[in-house]
PDB file of N, CA and C in Angstrom:
ATOM      1  N   MET A   1      17.682 155.517 119.044  1.00  0.00           N
ATOM      2  CA  MET A   1      18.113 155.338 117.678  1.00  0.00           C
ATOM      3  C   MET A   1      16.900 155.273 116.756  1.00  0.00           C
ATOM      4  N   ILE A   2      16.934 156.031 115.699  1.00  0.00           N
ATOM      5  CA  ILE A   2      15.828 156.071 114.762  1.00  0.00           C
ATOM      6  C   ILE A   2      16.162 155.079 113.618  1.00  0.00           C
ATOM      7  N   GLU A   3      15.214 154.198 113.373  1.00  0.00           N
ATOM      8  CA  GLU A   3      15.387 153.216 112.283  1.00  0.00           C
ATOM      9  C   GLU A   3      14.446 153.571 111.160  1.00  0.00           C
ATOM     10  N   LYS A   4      14.962 153.456 109.908  1.00  0.00           N
ATOM     11  CA  LYS A   4      14.108 153.688 108.761  1.00  0.00           C
ATOM     12  C   LYS A   4      13.365 152.400 108.421  1.00  0.00           C
ATOM     13  N   ILE A   5      12.121 152.548 108.032  1.00  0.00           N
ATOM     14  CA  ILE A   5      11.348 151.405 107.606  1.00  0.00           C
ATOM     15  C   ILE A   5      11.065 151.560 106.133  1.00  0.00           C
ATOM     16  N   TYR A   6      11.476 150.546 105.364  1.00  0.00           N
ATOM     17  CA  TYR A   6      11.328 150.537 103.916  1.00  0.00           C
ATOM     18  C   TYR A   6      10.271 149.533 103.518  1.00  0.00           C
ATOM     19  N   PRO A   7       9.588 149.768 102.389  1.00  0.00           N
ATOM     20  CA  PRO A   7       8.723 148.732 101.862  1.00  0.00           C
ATOM     21  C   PRO A   7       9.583 147.500 101.518  1.00  0.00           C
ATOM     22  N   ILE A   8       8.962 146.354 101.491  1.00  0.00           N
ATOM     23  CA  ILE A   8       9.732 145.144 101.189  1.00  0.00           C
ATOM     24  C   ILE A   8       9.564 144.728  99.723  1.00  0.00           C
ATOM     25  N   THR A   9      10.513 143.976  99.233  1.00  0.00           N
ATOM     26  CA  THR A   9      10.384 143.317  97.968  1.00  0.00           C
ATOM     27  C   THR A   9      10.758 141.866  98.192  1.00  0.00           C
ATOM     28  N   LEU A  10      10.087 140.984  97.512  1.00  0.00           N
ATOM     29  CA  LEU A  10      10.319 139.533  97.686  1.00  0.00           C
ATOM     30  C   LEU A  10      11.293 138.967  96.715  1.00  0.00           C
ATOM     31  N   VAL A  11      11.629 139.763  95.673  1.00  0.00           N
ATOM     32  CA  VAL A  11      12.528 139.295  94.621  1.00  0.00           C
ATOM     33  C   VAL A  11      13.527 140.366  94.249  1.00  0.00           C
ATOM     34  N   VAL A  12      14.791 139.936  94.095  1.00  0.00           N
ATOM     35  CA  VAL A  12      15.800 140.785  93.492  1.00  0.00           C
ATOM     36  C   VAL A  12      16.466 139.998  92.377  1.00  0.00           C
ATOM     37  N   LEU A  13      16.900 140.711  91.346  1.00  0.00           N
ATOM     38  CA  LEU A  13      17.580 140.068  90.240  1.00  0.00           C
ATOM     39  C   LEU A  13      19.091 140.181  90.476  1.00  0.00           C
ATOM     40  N   PRO A  14      19.858 139.159  90.163  1.00  0.00           N
ATOM     41  CA  PRO A  14      21.294 139.243  90.368  1.00  0.00           C
ATOM     42  C   PRO A  14      21.970 140.434  89.651  1.00  0.00           C
ATOM     43  N   SER A  15      21.431 140.800  88.513  1.00  0.00           N
ATOM     44  CA  SER A  15      22.057 141.876  87.741  1.00  0.00           C
ATOM     45  C   SER A  15      21.578 143.290  88.096  1.00  0.00           C
ATOM     46  N   GLU A  16      20.530 143.393  88.932  1.00  0.00           N
ATOM     47  CA  GLU A  16      20.027 144.764  89.224  1.00  0.00           C
ATOM     48  C   GLU A  16      20.966 145.478  90.202  1.00  0.00           C
ATOM     49  N   LYS A  17      21.042 146.784  89.993  1.00  0.00           N
ATOM     50  CA  LYS A  17      21.907 147.619  90.865  1.00  0.00           C
ATOM     51  C   LYS A  17      21.226 147.785  92.208  1.00  0.00           C
ATOM     52  N   ALA A  18      22.077 147.950  93.237  1.00  0.00           N
ATOM     53  CA  ALA A  18      21.569 148.061  94.601  1.00  0.00           C
ATOM     54  C   ALA A  18      22.194 149.287  95.263  1.00  0.00           C
ATOM     55  N   MET A  19      21.488 149.820  96.253  1.00  0.00           N
ATOM     56  CA  MET A  19      21.986 150.949  97.045  1.00  0.00           C
ATOM     57  C   MET A  19      22.990 150.491  98.086  1.00  0.00           C
ATOM     58  N   ALA A  20      22.727 149.333  98.721  1.00  0.00           N
ATOM     59  CA  ALA A  20      23.585 148.861  99.775  1.00  0.00           C
ATOM     60  C   ALA A  20      23.259 147.416 100.147  1.00  0.00           C
ATOM     61  N   LEU A  21      24.161 146.762 100.851  1.00  0.00           N
ATOM     62  CA  LEU A  21      23.928 145.436 101.421  1.00  0.00           C
ATOM     63  C   LEU A  21      24.489 145.513 102.828  1.00  0.00           C
ATOM     64  N   TYR A  22      23.717 145.006 103.783  1.00  0.00           N
ATOM     65  CA  TYR A  22      24.220 144.893 105.158  1.00  0.00           C
ATOM     66  C   TYR A  22      23.612 143.653 105.831  1.00  0.00           C
ATOM     67  N   GLU A  23      24.241 143.266 106.937  1.00  0.00           N
ATOM     68  CA  GLU A  23      23.748 142.097 107.681  1.00  0.00           C
ATOM     69  C   GLU A  23      23.479 142.492 109.137  1.00  0.00           C
ATOM     70  N   VAL A  24      22.407 141.991 109.651  1.00  0.00           N
ATOM     71  CA  VAL A  24      21.992 142.323 111.034  1.00  0.00           C
ATOM     72  C   VAL A  24      21.459 141.078 111.714  1.00  0.00           C
ATOM     73  N   ASN A  25      21.530 141.096 113.035  1.00  0.00           N
ATOM     74  CA  ASN A  25      20.859 140.058 113.866  1.00  0.00           C
ATOM     75  C   ASN A  25      19.573 140.649 114.402  1.00  0.00           C
ATOM     76  N   GLU A  26      18.477 139.929 114.144  1.00  0.00           N
ATOM     77  CA  GLU A  26      17.161 140.392 114.596  1.00  0.00           C
ATOM     78  C   GLU A  26      16.326 139.179 114.998  1.00  0.00           C
ATOM     79  N   GLN A  27      15.281 139.458 115.749  1.00  0.00           N
ATOM     80  CA  GLN A  27      14.321 138.401 116.109  1.00  0.00           C
ATOM     81  C   GLN A  27      13.703 137.848 114.842  1.00  0.00           C
ATOM     82  N   SER A  28      13.625 136.521 114.775  1.00  0.00           N
ATOM     83  CA  SER A  28      13.072 135.865 113.573  1.00  0.00           C
ATOM     84  C   SER A  28      11.531 135.968 113.591  1.00  0.00           C
ATOM     85  N   LEU A  29      10.960 135.722 112.438  1.00  0.00           N
ATOM     86  CA  LEU A  29       9.523 135.685 112.369  1.00  0.00           C
ATOM     87  C   LEU A  29       8.988 134.545 113.244  1.00  0.00           C
ATOM     88  N   GLY A  30       7.935 134.747 113.903  1.00  0.00           N
ATOM     89  CA  GLY A  30       7.382 133.733 114.805  1.00  0.00           C
ATOM     90  C   GLY A  30       8.130 133.638 116.134  1.00  0.00           C
ATOM     91  N   SER A  31       9.005 134.604 116.404  1.00  0.00           N
ATOM     92  CA  SER A  31       9.776 134.645 117.652  1.00  0.00           C
ATOM     93  C   SER A  31      10.511 133.318 117.923  1.00  0.00           C
ATOM     94  N   LYS A  32      11.214 132.855 116.941  1.00  0.00           N
ATOM     95  CA  LYS A  32      11.962 131.575 117.094  1.00  0.00           C
ATOM     96  C   LYS A  32      13.443 131.833 117.341  1.00  0.00           C
ATOM     97  N   GLY A  33      13.748 132.915 117.983  1.00  0.00           N
ATOM     98  CA  GLY A  33      15.143 133.249 118.322  1.00  0.00           C
ATOM     99  C   GLY A  33      15.743 134.256 117.371  1.00  0.00           C
ATOM    100  N   MET A  34      16.965 134.658 117.724  1.00  0.00           N
ATOM    101  CA  MET A  34      17.656 135.627 116.904  1.00  0.00           C
ATOM    102  C   MET A  34      18.247 134.960 115.654  1.00  0.00           C
ATOM    103  N   HIS A  35      18.026 135.632 114.519  1.00  0.00           N
ATOM    104  CA  HIS A  35      18.583 135.138 113.237  1.00  0.00           C
ATOM    105  C   HIS A  35      19.403 136.269 112.622  1.00  0.00           C
ATOM    106  N   ARG A  36      20.314 135.881 111.753  1.00  0.00           N
ATOM    107  CA  ARG A  36      21.087 136.862 110.987  1.00  0.00           C
ATOM    108  C   ARG A  36      20.393 137.023 109.636  1.00  0.00           C
ATOM    109  N   TYR A  37      20.215 138.265 109.221  1.00  0.00           N
ATOM    110  CA  TYR A  37      19.557 138.586 107.939  1.00  0.00           C
ATOM    111  C   TYR A  37      20.505 139.388 107.065  1.00  0.00           C
ATOM    112  N   GLN A  38      20.546 139.037 105.792  1.00  0.00           N
ATOM    113  CA  GLN A  38      21.231 139.841 104.800  1.00  0.00           C
ATOM    114  C   GLN A  38      20.157 140.741 104.197  1.00  0.00           C
ATOM    115  N   VAL A  39      20.389 142.046 104.221  1.00  0.00           N
ATOM    116  CA  VAL A  39      19.434 143.023 103.742  1.00  0.00           C
ATOM    117  C   VAL A  39      20.051 143.724 102.546  1.00  0.00           C
ATOM    118  N   ILE A  40      19.302 143.772 101.457  1.00  0.00           N
ATOM    119  CA  ILE A  40      19.738 144.476 100.260  1.00  0.00           C
ATOM    120  C   ILE A  40      18.719 145.541  99.900  1.00  0.00           C
ATOM    121  N   LEU A  41      19.199 146.786  99.733  1.00  0.00           N
ATOM    122  CA  LEU A  41      18.300 147.881  99.385  1.00  0.00           C
ATOM    123  C   LEU A  41      18.357 148.067  97.871  1.00  0.00           C
ATOM    124  N   VAL A  42      17.174 147.998  97.233  1.00  0.00           N
ATOM    125  CA  VAL A  42      17.040 148.149  95.784  1.00  0.00           C
ATOM    126  C   VAL A  42      15.948 149.183  95.463  1.00  0.00           C
ATOM    127  N   ASN A  43      15.863 149.540  94.205  1.00  0.00           N
ATOM    128  CA  ASN A  43      14.892 150.556  93.741  1.00  0.00           C
ATOM    129  C   ASN A  43      13.592 149.858  93.301  1.00  0.00           C
ATOM    130  N   ARG A  44      12.464 150.314  93.851  1.00  0.00           N
ATOM    131  CA  ARG A  44      11.159 149.856  93.444  1.00  0.00           C
ATOM    132  C   ARG A  44      10.276 151.089  93.314  1.00  0.00           C
ATOM    133  N   GLY A  45       9.990 151.485  92.097  1.00  0.00           N
ATOM    134  CA  GLY A  45       9.104 152.640  91.863  1.00  0.00           C
ATOM    135  C   GLY A  45       9.721 153.940  92.404  1.00  0.00           C
ATOM    136  N   ASP A  46      10.988 154.151  92.195  1.00  0.00           N
ATOM    137  CA  ASP A  46      11.717 155.354  92.632  1.00  0.00           C
ATOM    138  C   ASP A  46      11.750 155.494  94.129  1.00  0.00           C
ATOM    139  N   ARG A  47      11.610 154.377  94.869  1.00  0.00           N
ATOM    140  CA  ARG A  47      11.767 154.353  96.325  1.00  0.00           C
ATOM    141  C   ARG A  47      12.649 153.175  96.711  1.00  0.00           C
ATOM    142  N   LEU A  48      13.322 153.338  97.834  1.00  0.00           N
ATOM    143  CA  LEU A  48      14.122 152.201  98.322  1.00  0.00           C
ATOM    144  C   LEU A  48      13.185 151.135  98.845  1.00  0.00           C
ATOM    145  N   ALA A  49      13.534 149.911  98.530  1.00  0.00           N
ATOM    146  CA  ALA A  49      12.790 148.748  99.050  1.00  0.00           C
ATOM    147  C   ALA A  49      13.824 147.759  99.601  1.00  0.00           C
ATOM    148  N   GLU A  50      13.405 146.976 100.571  1.00  0.00           N
ATOM    149  CA  GLU A  50      14.279 146.111 101.295  1.00  0.00           C
ATOM    150  C   GLU A  50      13.997 144.631 100.970  1.00  0.00           C
ATOM    151  N   PHE A  51      15.053 143.939 100.563  1.00  0.00           N
ATOM    152  CA  PHE A  51      14.994 142.496 100.368  1.00  0.00           C
ATOM    153  C   PHE A  51      15.749 141.851 101.510  1.00  0.00           C
ATOM    154  N   ARG A  52      15.175 140.846 102.135  1.00  0.00           N
ATOM    155  CA  ARG A  52      15.843 140.195 103.275  1.00  0.00           C
ATOM    156  C   ARG A  52      15.992 138.703 103.010  1.00  0.00           C
ATOM    157  N   LYS A  53      17.179 138.220 103.306  1.00  0.00           N
ATOM    158  CA  LYS A  53      17.505 136.813 103.222  1.00  0.00           C
ATOM    159  C   LYS A  53      17.865 136.303 104.619  1.00  0.00           C
ATOM    160  N   ASP A  54      17.119 135.307 105.095  1.00  0.00           N
ATOM    161  CA  ASP A  54      17.362 134.720 106.411  1.00  0.00           C
ATOM    162  C   ASP A  54      18.591 133.821 106.299  1.00  0.00           C
ATOM    163  N   MET A  55      19.617 134.130 107.035  1.00  0.00           N
ATOM    164  CA  MET A  55      20.904 133.341 106.978  1.00  0.00           C
ATOM    165  C   MET A  55      20.973 132.303 108.093  1.00  0.00           C
ATOM    166  N   GLY A  56      19.882 132.145 108.830  1.00  0.00           N
ATOM    167  CA  GLY A  56      19.868 131.181 109.918  1.00  0.00           C
ATOM    168  C   GLY A  56      20.111 131.761 111.313  1.00  0.00           C
ATOM    169  N   LYS A  57      20.220 130.895 112.259  1.00  0.00           N
ATOM    170  CA  LYS A  57      20.385 131.327 113.645  1.00  0.00           C
ATOM    171  C   LYS A  57      21.606 132.221 113.826  1.00  0.00           C
ATOM    172  N   ALA A  58      21.466 133.278 114.613  1.00  0.00           N
ATOM    173  CA  ALA A  58      22.571 134.235 114.855  1.00  0.00           C
ATOM    174  C   ALA A  58      23.757 133.557 115.520  1.00  0.00           C
ATOM    175  N   SER A  59      23.502 132.507 116.309  1.00  0.00           N
ATOM    176  CA  SER A  59      24.622 131.817 117.001  1.00  0.00           C
ATOM    177  C   SER A  59      25.573 131.161 116.015  1.00  0.00           C
ATOM    178  N   LYS A  60      25.098 130.846 114.827  1.00  0.00           N
ATOM    179  CA  LYS A  60      25.942 130.280 113.746  1.00  0.00           C
ATOM    180  C   LYS A  60      27.002 131.310 113.288  1.00  0.00           C
ATOM    181  N   TRP A  61      26.706 132.579 113.482  1.00  0.00           N
ATOM    182  CA  TRP A  61      27.572 133.673 112.986  1.00  0.00           C
ATOM    183  C   TRP A  61      28.245 134.402 114.177  1.00  0.00           C
ATOM    184  N   LYS A  62      28.370 133.745 115.299  1.00  0.00           N
ATOM    185  CA  LYS A  62      28.846 134.368 116.529  1.00  0.00           C
ATOM    186  C   LYS A  62      30.177 135.114 116.379  1.00  0.00           C
ATOM    187  N   ASN A  63      31.141 134.526 115.748  1.00  0.00           N
ATOM    188  CA  ASN A  63      32.458 135.135 115.622  1.00  0.00           C
ATOM    189  C   ASN A  63      32.726 135.695 114.207  1.00  0.00           C
ATOM    190  N   VAL A  64      31.683 136.083 113.504  1.00  0.00           N
ATOM    191  CA  VAL A  64      31.818 136.602 112.165  1.00  0.00           C
ATOM    192  C   VAL A  64      31.389 138.061 112.161  1.00  0.00           C
ATOM    193  N   ARG A  65      32.221 138.875 111.548  1.00  0.00           N
ATOM    194  CA  ARG A  65      31.927 140.322 111.532  1.00  0.00           C
ATOM    195  C   ARG A  65      30.621 140.636 110.806  1.00  0.00           C
ATOM    196  N   PHE A  66      30.052 141.765 111.163  1.00  0.00           N
ATOM    197  CA  PHE A  66      28.870 142.249 110.478  1.00  0.00           C
ATOM    198  C   PHE A  66      29.288 142.903 109.156  1.00  0.00           C
ATOM    199  N   ILE A  67      28.481 142.788 108.164  1.00  0.00           N
ATOM    200  CA  ILE A  67      28.781 143.320 106.842  1.00  0.00           C
ATOM    201  C   ILE A  67      27.973 144.573 106.611  1.00  0.00           C
ATOM    202  N   ASN A  68      28.620 145.590 106.068  1.00  0.00           N
ATOM    203  CA  ASN A  68      27.910 146.821 105.658  1.00  0.00           C
ATOM    204  C   ASN A  68      28.651 147.374 104.452  1.00  0.00           C
ATOM    205  N   ILE A  69      28.023 147.188 103.259  1.00  0.00           N
ATOM    206  CA  ILE A  69      28.668 147.611 102.018  1.00  0.00           C
ATOM    207  C   ILE A  69      27.790 148.622 101.305  1.00  0.00           C
ATOM    208  N   PRO A  70      28.149 149.904 101.340  1.00  0.00           N
ATOM    209  CA  PRO A  70      27.412 150.877 100.516  1.00  0.00           C
ATOM    210  C   PRO A  70      27.771 150.693  99.068  1.00  0.00           C
ATOM    211  N   SER A  71      26.821 150.850  98.182  1.00  0.00           N
ATOM    212  CA  SER A  71      27.076 150.705  96.738  1.00  0.00           C
ATOM    213  C   SER A  71      26.706 151.916  95.946  1.00  0.00           C
ATOM    214  N   LEU A  72      25.649 152.616  96.393  1.00  0.00           N
ATOM    215  CA  LEU A  72      25.199 153.831  95.674  1.00  0.00           C
ATOM    216  C   LEU A  72      24.966 153.580  94.234  1.00  0.00           C
ATOM    217  N   TRP A  73      24.341 152.438  93.919  1.00  0.00           N
ATOM    218  CA  TRP A  73      23.939 152.048  92.554  1.00  0.00           C
ATOM    219  C   TRP A  73      25.084 151.720  91.646  1.00  0.00           C
ATOM    220  N   GLU A  74      26.275 151.540  92.183  1.00  0.00           N
ATOM    221  CA  GLU A  74      27.457 151.199  91.378  1.00  0.00           C
ATOM    222  C   GLU A  74      27.604 149.683  91.156  1.00  0.00           C
ATOM    223  N   HIS A  75      27.059 148.865  92.074  1.00  0.00           N
ATOM    224  CA  HIS A  75      27.243 147.425  91.988  1.00  0.00           C
ATOM    225  C   HIS A  75      25.926 146.697  91.962  1.00  0.00           C
ATOM    226  N   SER A  76      25.959 145.517  91.349  1.00  0.00           N
ATOM    227  CA  SER A  76      24.743 144.690  91.252  1.00  0.00           C
ATOM    228  C   SER A  76      24.543 143.894  92.548  1.00  0.00           C
ATOM    229  N   VAL A  77      23.371 143.310  92.672  1.00  0.00           N
ATOM    230  CA  VAL A  77      23.050 142.450  93.800  1.00  0.00           C
ATOM    231  C   VAL A  77      24.098 141.326  93.917  1.00  0.00           C
ATOM    232  N   SER A  78      24.385 140.663  92.763  1.00  0.00           N
ATOM    233  CA  SER A  78      25.322 139.531  92.822  1.00  0.00           C
ATOM    234  C   SER A  78      26.721 139.975  93.174  1.00  0.00           C
ATOM    235  N   GLU A  79      27.137 141.150  92.727  1.00  0.00           N
ATOM    236  CA  GLU A  79      28.483 141.672  93.099  1.00  0.00           C
ATOM    237  C   GLU A  79      28.537 141.937  94.596  1.00  0.00           C
ATOM    238  N   LEU A  80      27.492 142.529  95.165  1.00  0.00           N
ATOM    239  CA  LEU A  80      27.484 142.810  96.585  1.00  0.00           C
ATOM    240  C   LEU A  80      27.450 141.519  97.394  1.00  0.00           C
ATOM    241  N   GLN A  81      26.709 140.528  96.947  1.00  0.00           N
ATOM    242  CA  GLN A  81      26.654 139.252  97.664  1.00  0.00           C
ATOM    243  C   GLN A  81      28.019 138.561  97.591  1.00  0.00           C
ATOM    244  N   PHE A  82      28.695 138.647  96.468  1.00  0.00           N
ATOM    245  CA  PHE A  82      30.061 138.091  96.344  1.00  0.00           C
ATOM    246  C   PHE A  82      30.997 138.786  97.312  1.00  0.00           C
ATOM    247  N   LEU A  83      30.921 140.112  97.359  1.00  0.00           N
ATOM    248  CA  LEU A  83      31.775 140.867  98.300  1.00  0.00           C
ATOM    249  C   LEU A  83      31.485 140.469  99.740  1.00  0.00           C
ATOM    250  N   ALA A  84      30.206 140.372 100.085  1.00  0.00           N
ATOM    251  CA  ALA A  84      29.843 139.972 101.468  1.00  0.00           C
ATOM    252  C   ALA A  84      30.379 138.612 101.794  1.00  0.00           C
ATOM    253  N   ASP A  85      30.239 137.650 100.867  1.00  0.00           N
ATOM    254  CA  ASP A  85      30.727 136.275 101.123  1.00  0.00           C
ATOM    255  C   ASP A  85      32.238 136.286 101.268  1.00  0.00           C
ATOM    256  N   THR A  86      32.924 137.072 100.471  1.00  0.00           N
ATOM    257  CA  THR A  86      34.393 137.144 100.506  1.00  0.00           C
ATOM    258  C   THR A  86      34.827 137.761 101.853  1.00  0.00           C
ATOM    259  N   ILE A  87      34.214 138.842 102.233  1.00  0.00           N
ATOM    260  CA  ILE A  87      34.586 139.497 103.496  1.00  0.00           C
ATOM    261  C   ILE A  87      34.279 138.597 104.680  1.00  0.00           C
ATOM    262  N   ARG A  88      33.096 137.977 104.660  1.00  0.00           N
ATOM    263  CA  ARG A  88      32.660 137.126 105.777  1.00  0.00           C
ATOM    264  C   ARG A  88      33.537 135.922 105.922  1.00  0.00           C
ATOM    265  N   ASN A  89      33.995 135.358 104.811  1.00  0.00           N
ATOM    266  CA  ASN A  89      34.762 134.092 104.848  1.00  0.00           C
ATOM    267  C   ASN A  89      36.274 134.314 104.858  1.00  0.00           C
ATOM    268  N   GLU A  90      36.733 135.556 104.832  1.00  0.00           N
ATOM    269  CA  GLU A  90      38.128 135.852 104.829  1.00  0.00           C
ATOM    270  C   GLU A  90      38.739 135.375 106.120  1.00  0.00           C
ATOM    271  N   SER A  91      39.788 134.545 106.053  1.00  0.00           N
ATOM    272  CA  SER A  91      40.419 133.995 107.230  1.00  0.00           C
ATOM    273  C   SER A  91      41.130 135.080 108.047  1.00  0.00           C
ATOM    274  N   LEU A  92      41.671 136.074 107.381  1.00  0.00           N
ATOM    275  CA  LEU A  92      42.327 137.171 108.096  1.00  0.00           C
ATOM    276  C   LEU A  92      41.444 138.413 107.908  1.00  0.00           C
ATOM    277  N   GLN A  93      40.277 138.399 108.580  1.00  0.00           N
ATOM    278  CA  GLN A  93      39.276 139.391 108.309  1.00  0.00           C
ATOM    279  C   GLN A  93      39.745 140.846 108.541  1.00  0.00           C
ATOM    280  N   ASP A  94      40.743 141.034 109.407  1.00  0.00           N
ATOM    281  CA  ASP A  94      41.217 142.378 109.655  1.00  0.00           C
ATOM    282  C   ASP A  94      42.019 142.916 108.495  1.00  0.00           C
ATOM    283  N   ASN A  95      42.423 142.064 107.585  1.00  0.00           N
ATOM    284  CA  ASN A  95      43.269 142.478 106.460  1.00  0.00           C
ATOM    285  C   ASN A  95      42.564 142.509 105.121  1.00  0.00           C
ATOM    286  N   VAL A  96      41.239 142.500 105.149  1.00  0.00           N
ATOM    287  CA  VAL A  96      40.491 142.556 103.887  1.00  0.00           C
ATOM    288  C   VAL A  96      40.632 143.957 103.314  1.00  0.00           C
ATOM    289  N   ASP A  97      40.970 144.032 102.051  1.00  0.00           N
ATOM    290  CA  ASP A  97      41.117 145.292 101.346  1.00  0.00           C
ATOM    291  C   ASP A  97      39.916 145.476 100.418  1.00  0.00           C
ATOM    292  N   ILE A  98      38.912 146.226 100.833  1.00  0.00           N
ATOM    293  CA  ILE A  98      37.685 146.377 100.085  1.00  0.00           C
ATOM    294  C   ILE A  98      37.971 147.010  98.715  1.00  0.00           C
ATOM    295  N   TYR A  99      38.951 147.912  98.642  1.00  0.00           N
ATOM    296  CA  TYR A  99      39.316 148.550  97.403  1.00  0.00           C
ATOM    297  C   TYR A  99      39.801 147.487  96.379  1.00  0.00           C
ATOM    298  N   GLU A 100      40.615 146.521  96.865  1.00  0.00           N
ATOM    299  CA  GLU A 100      41.112 145.469  96.026  1.00  0.00           C
ATOM    300  C   GLU A 100      39.970 144.578  95.527  1.00  0.00           C
ATOM    301  N   LEU A 101      39.031 144.266  96.404  1.00  0.00           N
ATOM    302  CA  LEU A 101      37.895 143.452  96.008  1.00  0.00           C
ATOM    303  C   LEU A 101      37.032 144.148  94.936  1.00  0.00           C
ATOM    304  N   LEU A 102      36.917 145.447  95.040  1.00  0.00           N
ATOM    305  CA  LEU A 102      36.133 146.202  94.072  1.00  0.00           C
ATOM    306  C   LEU A 102      36.934 146.561  92.828  1.00  0.00           C
ATOM    307  N   GLY A 103      38.194 146.294  92.820  1.00  0.00           N
ATOM    308  CA  GLY A 103      39.029 146.594  91.665  1.00  0.00           C
ATOM    309  C   GLY A 103      39.309 148.086  91.530  1.00  0.00           C
ATOM    310  N   ILE A 104      39.342 148.783  92.642  1.00  0.00           N
ATOM    311  CA  ILE A 104      39.586 150.239  92.640  1.00  0.00           C
ATOM    312  C   ILE A 104      41.039 150.496  92.972  1.00  0.00           C
ATOM    313  N   LEU A 105      41.677 151.378  92.206  1.00  0.00           N
ATOM    314  CA  LEU A 105      43.046 151.767  92.509  1.00  0.00           C
ATOM    315  C   LEU A 105      43.037 152.810  93.573  1.00  0.00           C
ATOM    316  N   LYS A 106      43.964 152.741  94.497  1.00  0.00           N
ATOM    317  CA  LYS A 106      44.066 153.723  95.575  1.00  0.00           C
ATOM    318  C   LYS A 106      44.939 154.865  95.128  1.00  0.00           C
TER     319      LYS A 106
END
């Protein structure tokens, strides 16, 4: 599997548009076990840059689905984080209607 490596950014603004948001489990810095990270791709100098938020130990998220929300510059960082929180916390996760969350008519 080929993975893309993006430059990092340490700051994102809630109102800035993003390319995508996804969550992954990866080895934490300092090799302190697997952690779940929320990754947001934003524009920095006409290139994609990656912002990472450490969500804590992966075991805390054992029975929670992984999030992958493409935005293609349509939604802001705060909108994508709201969607991720809603999807992640949905009690009936199999019945989440992403179109309804985005306010899109089918």
